[in-house]
Amino acid sequence: MSSPQSQRVTVELLGKEHEFSCPPGQENALVAAAQHLNDLVDQMKQRSSVRNEQKALLMAALHLSHELLEAQSQQAKQEQQHDSLIDKLSQYLDQTHST
């Protein structure tokens, strides 16, 4: 059920129009996401022997899920590096202030 603040946006997925609700100001992001998904489905169909749109859609979803997990892993590594650098900087500052 949509909230009073949400907007109804129609996007095309797999050649069919679908209506979704989204927060105000996010309409362009929803349209861009739908276009990105359509592009991925087309890529999956071109790169493999899959011609079934539902199978290509599943492959695109799996690809997006993999990319998301990779991005989250990279972010976690960067956060650990930042935390390590902050700890080193804090130790250095503590040493310079105590002398």
N, C-alpha and C. Protein backbone atom coordinates (compact mmCIF):
# COMPACT_ATOMS: atom_id res chain seq x y z
N MET A 1 0.85 -1.18 0.00
CA MET A 1 0.00 0.00 0.00
C MET A 1 0.89 1.24 0.00
N SER A 2 0.57 2.22 -0.76
CA SER A 2 1.40 3.42 -0.85
C SER A 2 1.02 4.41 0.23
N SER A 3 2.02 5.15 0.70
CA SER A 3 1.77 6.17 1.69
C SER A 3 1.32 7.44 0.99
N PRO A 4 0.70 8.37 1.70
CA PRO A 4 0.22 9.60 1.05
C PRO A 4 1.35 10.38 0.38
N GLN A 5 2.59 10.25 0.86
CA GLN A 5 3.68 11.02 0.28
C GLN A 5 4.28 10.35 -0.95
N SER A 6 3.98 9.09 -1.22
CA SER A 6 4.63 8.40 -2.33
C SER A 6 3.99 8.79 -3.67
N GLN A 7 4.80 8.69 -4.69
CA GLN A 7 4.38 9.00 -6.05
C GLN A 7 4.21 7.69 -6.82
N ARG A 8 3.30 7.67 -7.76
CA ARG A 8 3.14 6.51 -8.64
C ARG A 8 3.94 6.79 -9.91
N VAL A 9 4.80 5.85 -10.26
CA VAL A 9 5.65 6.01 -11.43
C VAL A 9 5.50 4.78 -12.30
N THR A 10 5.32 5.00 -13.59
CA THR A 10 5.22 3.91 -14.54
C THR A 10 6.56 3.75 -15.24
N VAL A 11 7.07 2.52 -15.21
CA VAL A 11 8.33 2.21 -15.89
C VAL A 11 8.11 1.01 -16.79
N GLU A 12 8.97 0.88 -17.78
CA GLU A 12 8.90 -0.27 -18.67
C GLU A 12 9.97 -1.27 -18.28
N LEU A 13 9.52 -2.50 -18.04
CA LEU A 13 10.41 -3.62 -17.74
C LEU A 13 10.06 -4.78 -18.66
N LEU A 14 11.05 -5.28 -19.36
CA LEU A 14 10.85 -6.41 -20.27
C LEU A 14 9.74 -6.12 -21.28
N GLY A 15 9.67 -4.88 -21.73
CA GLY A 15 8.71 -4.51 -22.76
C GLY A 15 7.29 -4.29 -22.26
N LYS A 16 7.10 -4.35 -20.95
CA LYS A 16 5.76 -4.14 -20.39
C LYS A 16 5.81 -3.01 -19.37
N GLU A 17 4.72 -2.25 -19.31
CA GLU A 17 4.65 -1.16 -18.35
C GLU A 17 4.20 -1.68 -16.99
N HIS A 18 4.88 -1.17 -15.95
CA HIS A 18 4.56 -1.52 -14.57
C HIS A 18 4.53 -0.23 -13.77
N GLU A 19 3.59 -0.17 -12.82
CA GLU A 19 3.46 1.01 -11.99
C GLU A 19 3.96 0.69 -10.58
N PHE A 20 4.81 1.59 -10.06
CA PHE A 20 5.36 1.42 -8.72
C PHE A 20 5.19 2.72 -7.96
N SER A 21 5.16 2.61 -6.64
CA SER A 21 5.17 3.82 -5.83
C SER A 21 6.60 4.05 -5.36
N CYS A 22 6.94 5.32 -5.20
CA CYS A 22 8.27 5.68 -4.71
C CYS A 22 8.17 7.01 -4.00
N PRO A 23 9.15 7.30 -3.15
CA PRO A 23 9.13 8.57 -2.42
C PRO A 23 9.27 9.75 -3.39
N PRO A 24 8.70 10.88 -3.03
CA PRO A 24 8.85 12.07 -3.88
C PRO A 24 10.32 12.40 -4.09
N GLY A 25 10.64 12.79 -5.30
CA GLY A 25 12.01 13.13 -5.63
C GLY A 25 12.84 11.94 -6.09
N GLN A 26 12.30 10.74 -5.99
CA GLN A 26 13.03 9.54 -6.38
C GLN A 26 12.55 8.95 -7.70
N GLU A 27 11.67 9.68 -8.36
CA GLU A 27 11.09 9.17 -9.61
C GLU A 27 12.17 8.91 -10.66
N ASN A 28 13.10 9.84 -10.84
CA ASN A 28 14.15 9.67 -11.84
C ASN A 28 15.05 8.49 -11.49
N ALA A 29 15.31 8.29 -10.20
CA ALA A 29 16.13 7.16 -9.78
C ALA A 29 15.44 5.84 -10.10
N LEU A 30 14.12 5.78 -9.92
CA LEU A 30 13.37 4.57 -10.23
C LEU A 30 13.39 4.28 -11.72
N VAL A 31 13.20 5.31 -12.52
CA VAL A 31 13.24 5.15 -13.97
C VAL A 31 14.63 4.70 -14.41
N ALA A 32 15.67 5.30 -13.83
CA ALA A 32 17.05 4.91 -14.17
C ALA A 32 17.34 3.47 -13.76
N ALA A 33 16.82 3.06 -12.61
CA ALA A 33 17.02 1.68 -12.15
C ALA A 33 16.33 0.70 -13.10
N ALA A 34 15.14 1.04 -13.54
CA ALA A 34 14.42 0.18 -14.48
C ALA A 34 15.18 0.09 -15.80
N GLN A 35 15.71 1.20 -16.27
CA GLN A 35 16.48 1.19 -17.51
C GLN A 35 17.76 0.36 -17.35
N HIS A 36 18.40 0.49 -16.21
CA HIS A 36 19.62 -0.29 -15.94
C HIS A 36 19.29 -1.78 -15.94
N LEU A 37 18.18 -2.14 -15.32
CA LEU A 37 17.77 -3.54 -15.30
C LEU A 37 17.46 -4.04 -16.70
N ASN A 38 16.75 -3.25 -17.48
CA ASN A 38 16.47 -3.63 -18.87
C ASN A 38 17.76 -3.83 -19.65
N ASP A 39 18.72 -2.94 -19.46
CA ASP A 39 20.01 -3.06 -20.15
C ASP A 39 20.73 -4.34 -19.74
N LEU A 40 20.71 -4.65 -18.43
CA LEU A 40 21.35 -5.88 -17.96
C LEU A 40 20.69 -7.12 -18.53
N VAL A 41 19.37 -7.12 -18.59
CA VAL A 41 18.65 -8.26 -19.16
C VAL A 41 19.05 -8.44 -20.62
N ASP A 42 19.13 -7.33 -21.35
CA ASP A 42 19.57 -7.41 -22.76
C ASP A 42 20.98 -7.96 -22.86
N GLN A 43 21.87 -7.51 -21.96
CA GLN A 43 23.24 -8.02 -21.96
C GLN A 43 23.28 -9.52 -21.69
N MET A 44 22.48 -9.96 -20.74
CA MET A 44 22.44 -11.39 -20.40
C MET A 44 21.96 -12.21 -21.59
N LYS A 45 21.00 -11.68 -22.31
CA LYS A 45 20.48 -12.39 -23.49
C LYS A 45 21.52 -12.42 -24.60
N GLN A 46 22.31 -11.37 -24.74
CA GLN A 46 23.33 -11.32 -25.78
C GLN A 46 24.53 -12.19 -25.45
N ARG A 47 24.91 -12.24 -24.17
CA ARG A 47 26.11 -12.96 -23.76
C ARG A 47 25.90 -14.46 -23.58
N SER A 48 24.66 -14.88 -23.54
CA SER A 48 24.40 -16.31 -23.31
C SER A 48 23.38 -16.79 -24.33
N SER A 49 23.12 -18.07 -24.24
CA SER A 49 22.13 -18.64 -25.15
C SER A 49 20.71 -18.47 -24.63
N VAL A 50 20.57 -17.81 -23.49
CA VAL A 50 19.27 -17.62 -22.86
C VAL A 50 18.45 -16.63 -23.69
N ARG A 51 17.29 -17.03 -24.09
CA ARG A 51 16.37 -16.13 -24.81
C ARG A 51 15.10 -15.88 -24.01
N ASN A 52 14.88 -16.71 -23.01
CA ASN A 52 13.73 -16.57 -22.14
C ASN A 52 13.93 -15.33 -21.26
N GLU A 53 13.01 -14.38 -21.31
CA GLU A 53 13.16 -13.13 -20.58
C GLU A 53 13.19 -13.34 -19.08
N GLN A 54 12.41 -14.29 -18.58
CA GLN A 54 12.40 -14.52 -17.14
C GLN A 54 13.74 -15.08 -16.67
N LYS A 55 14.32 -15.98 -17.45
CA LYS A 55 15.63 -16.53 -17.09
C LYS A 55 16.69 -15.43 -17.17
N ALA A 56 16.62 -14.58 -18.19
CA ALA A 56 17.56 -13.47 -18.32
C ALA A 56 17.38 -12.49 -17.16
N LEU A 57 16.14 -12.28 -16.74
CA LEU A 57 15.87 -11.40 -15.61
C LEU A 57 16.48 -11.98 -14.33
N LEU A 58 16.36 -13.29 -14.15
CA LEU A 58 16.96 -13.94 -12.98
C LEU A 58 18.48 -13.81 -13.02
N MET A 59 19.06 -13.98 -14.19
CA MET A 59 20.51 -13.84 -14.33
C MET A 59 20.94 -12.41 -14.02
N ALA A 60 20.17 -11.43 -14.47
CA ALA A 60 20.48 -10.03 -14.19
C ALA A 60 20.36 -9.75 -12.69
N ALA A 61 19.34 -10.29 -12.05
CA ALA A 61 19.16 -10.11 -10.61
C ALA A 61 20.32 -10.74 -9.85
N LEU A 62 20.75 -11.91 -10.27
CA LEU A 62 21.89 -12.57 -9.63
C LEU A 62 23.16 -11.73 -9.82
N HIS A 63 23.33 -11.19 -11.01
CA HIS A 63 24.48 -10.32 -11.30
C HIS A 63 24.47 -9.08 -10.40
N LEU A 64 23.30 -8.46 -10.26
CA LEU A 64 23.18 -7.27 -9.40
C LEU A 64 23.44 -7.62 -7.94
N SER A 65 22.95 -8.78 -7.51
CA SER A 65 23.18 -9.22 -6.14
C SER A 65 24.66 -9.43 -5.88
N HIS A 66 25.34 -10.03 -6.84
CA HIS A 66 26.79 -10.25 -6.73
C HIS A 66 27.52 -8.91 -6.65
N GLU A 67 27.16 -7.97 -7.51
CA GLU A 67 27.79 -6.64 -7.48
C GLU A 67 27.56 -5.95 -6.13
N LEU A 68 26.37 -6.08 -5.60
CA LEU A 68 26.06 -5.47 -4.31
C LEU A 68 26.92 -6.08 -3.21
N LEU A 69 27.02 -7.39 -3.18
CA LEU A 69 27.84 -8.06 -2.17
C LEU A 69 29.30 -7.66 -2.29
N GLU A 70 29.80 -7.56 -3.51
CA GLU A 70 31.18 -7.12 -3.74
C GLU A 70 31.38 -5.69 -3.24
N ALA A 71 30.44 -4.81 -3.54
CA ALA A 71 30.55 -3.42 -3.11
C ALA A 71 30.51 -3.33 -1.58
N GLN A 72 29.66 -4.13 -0.94
CA GLN A 72 29.59 -4.12 0.52
C GLN A 72 30.89 -4.64 1.12
N SER A 73 31.47 -5.64 0.51
CA SER A 73 32.74 -6.19 0.99
C SER A 73 33.85 -5.15 0.86
N GLN A 74 33.89 -4.47 -0.29
CA GLN A 74 34.89 -3.42 -0.49
C GLN A 74 34.70 -2.28 0.51
N GLN A 75 33.46 -1.92 0.77
CA GLN A 75 33.18 -0.86 1.72
C GLN A 75 33.65 -1.26 3.12
N ALA A 76 33.41 -2.50 3.50
CA ALA A 76 33.84 -2.98 4.82
C ALA A 76 35.37 -2.94 4.92
N LYS A 77 36.07 -3.31 3.86
CA LYS A 77 37.53 -3.26 3.86
C LYS A 77 38.02 -1.83 3.99
N GLN A 78 37.38 -0.91 3.27
CA GLN A 78 37.77 0.50 3.35
C GLN A 78 37.51 1.06 4.74
N GLU A 79 36.41 0.67 5.34
CA GLU A 79 36.10 1.13 6.70
C GLU A 79 37.15 0.63 7.68
N GLN A 80 37.60 -0.62 7.51
CA GLN A 80 38.64 -1.17 8.38
C GLN A 80 39.94 -0.39 8.19
N GLN A 81 40.27 -0.06 6.93
CA GLN A 81 41.48 0.71 6.67
C GLN A 81 41.38 2.10 7.29
N HIS A 82 40.22 2.73 7.16
CA HIS A 82 40.02 4.06 7.76
C HIS A 82 40.15 3.99 9.27
N ASP A 83 39.53 2.97 9.87
CA ASP A 83 39.61 2.82 11.33
C ASP A 83 41.05 2.63 11.77
N SER A 84 41.81 1.84 11.02
CA SER A 84 43.22 1.61 11.34
C SER A 84 44.02 2.91 11.24
N LEU A 85 43.77 3.67 10.19
CA LEU A 85 44.47 4.95 10.03
C LEU A 85 44.09 5.94 11.14
N ILE A 86 42.84 5.96 11.51
CA ILE A 86 42.39 6.84 12.60
C ILE A 86 43.06 6.43 13.91
N ASP A 87 43.13 5.11 14.16
CA ASP A 87 43.80 4.63 15.37
C ASP A 87 45.28 5.05 15.38
N LYS A 88 45.96 4.90 14.25
CA LYS A 88 47.38 5.28 14.17
C LYS A 88 47.55 6.78 14.38
N LEU A 89 46.67 7.55 13.78
CA LEU A 89 46.74 9.00 13.94
C LEU A 89 46.47 9.40 15.38
N SER A 90 45.50 8.77 16.00
CA SER A 90 45.19 9.06 17.41
C SER A 90 46.37 8.72 18.31
N GLN A 91 47.01 7.58 18.05
CA GLN A 91 48.18 7.18 18.84
C GLN A 91 49.32 8.20 18.65
N TYR A 92 49.51 8.62 17.43
CA TYR A 92 50.55 9.61 17.14
C TYR A 92 50.26 10.92 17.86
N LEU A 93 49.03 11.38 17.77
CA LEU A 93 48.66 12.63 18.43
C LEU A 93 48.79 12.52 19.94
N ASP A 94 48.42 11.38 20.51
CA ASP A 94 48.57 11.16 21.95
C ASP A 94 50.04 11.23 22.35
N GLN A 95 50.92 10.67 21.52
CA GLN A 95 52.35 10.67 21.82
C GLN A 95 52.94 12.07 21.73
N THR A 96 52.50 12.82 20.72
CA THR A 96 53.06 14.17 20.56
C THR A 96 52.55 15.13 21.62
N HIS A 97 51.36 14.92 22.14
CA HIS A 97 50.82 15.80 23.19
C HIS A 97 51.39 15.46 24.56
N SER A 98 51.83 14.23 24.75
CA SER A 98 52.33 13.84 26.06
C SER A 98 53.81 14.16 26.21
N THR A 99 54.47 14.56 25.13
CA THR A 99 55.90 14.91 25.24
C THR A 99 56.11 16.38 25.37
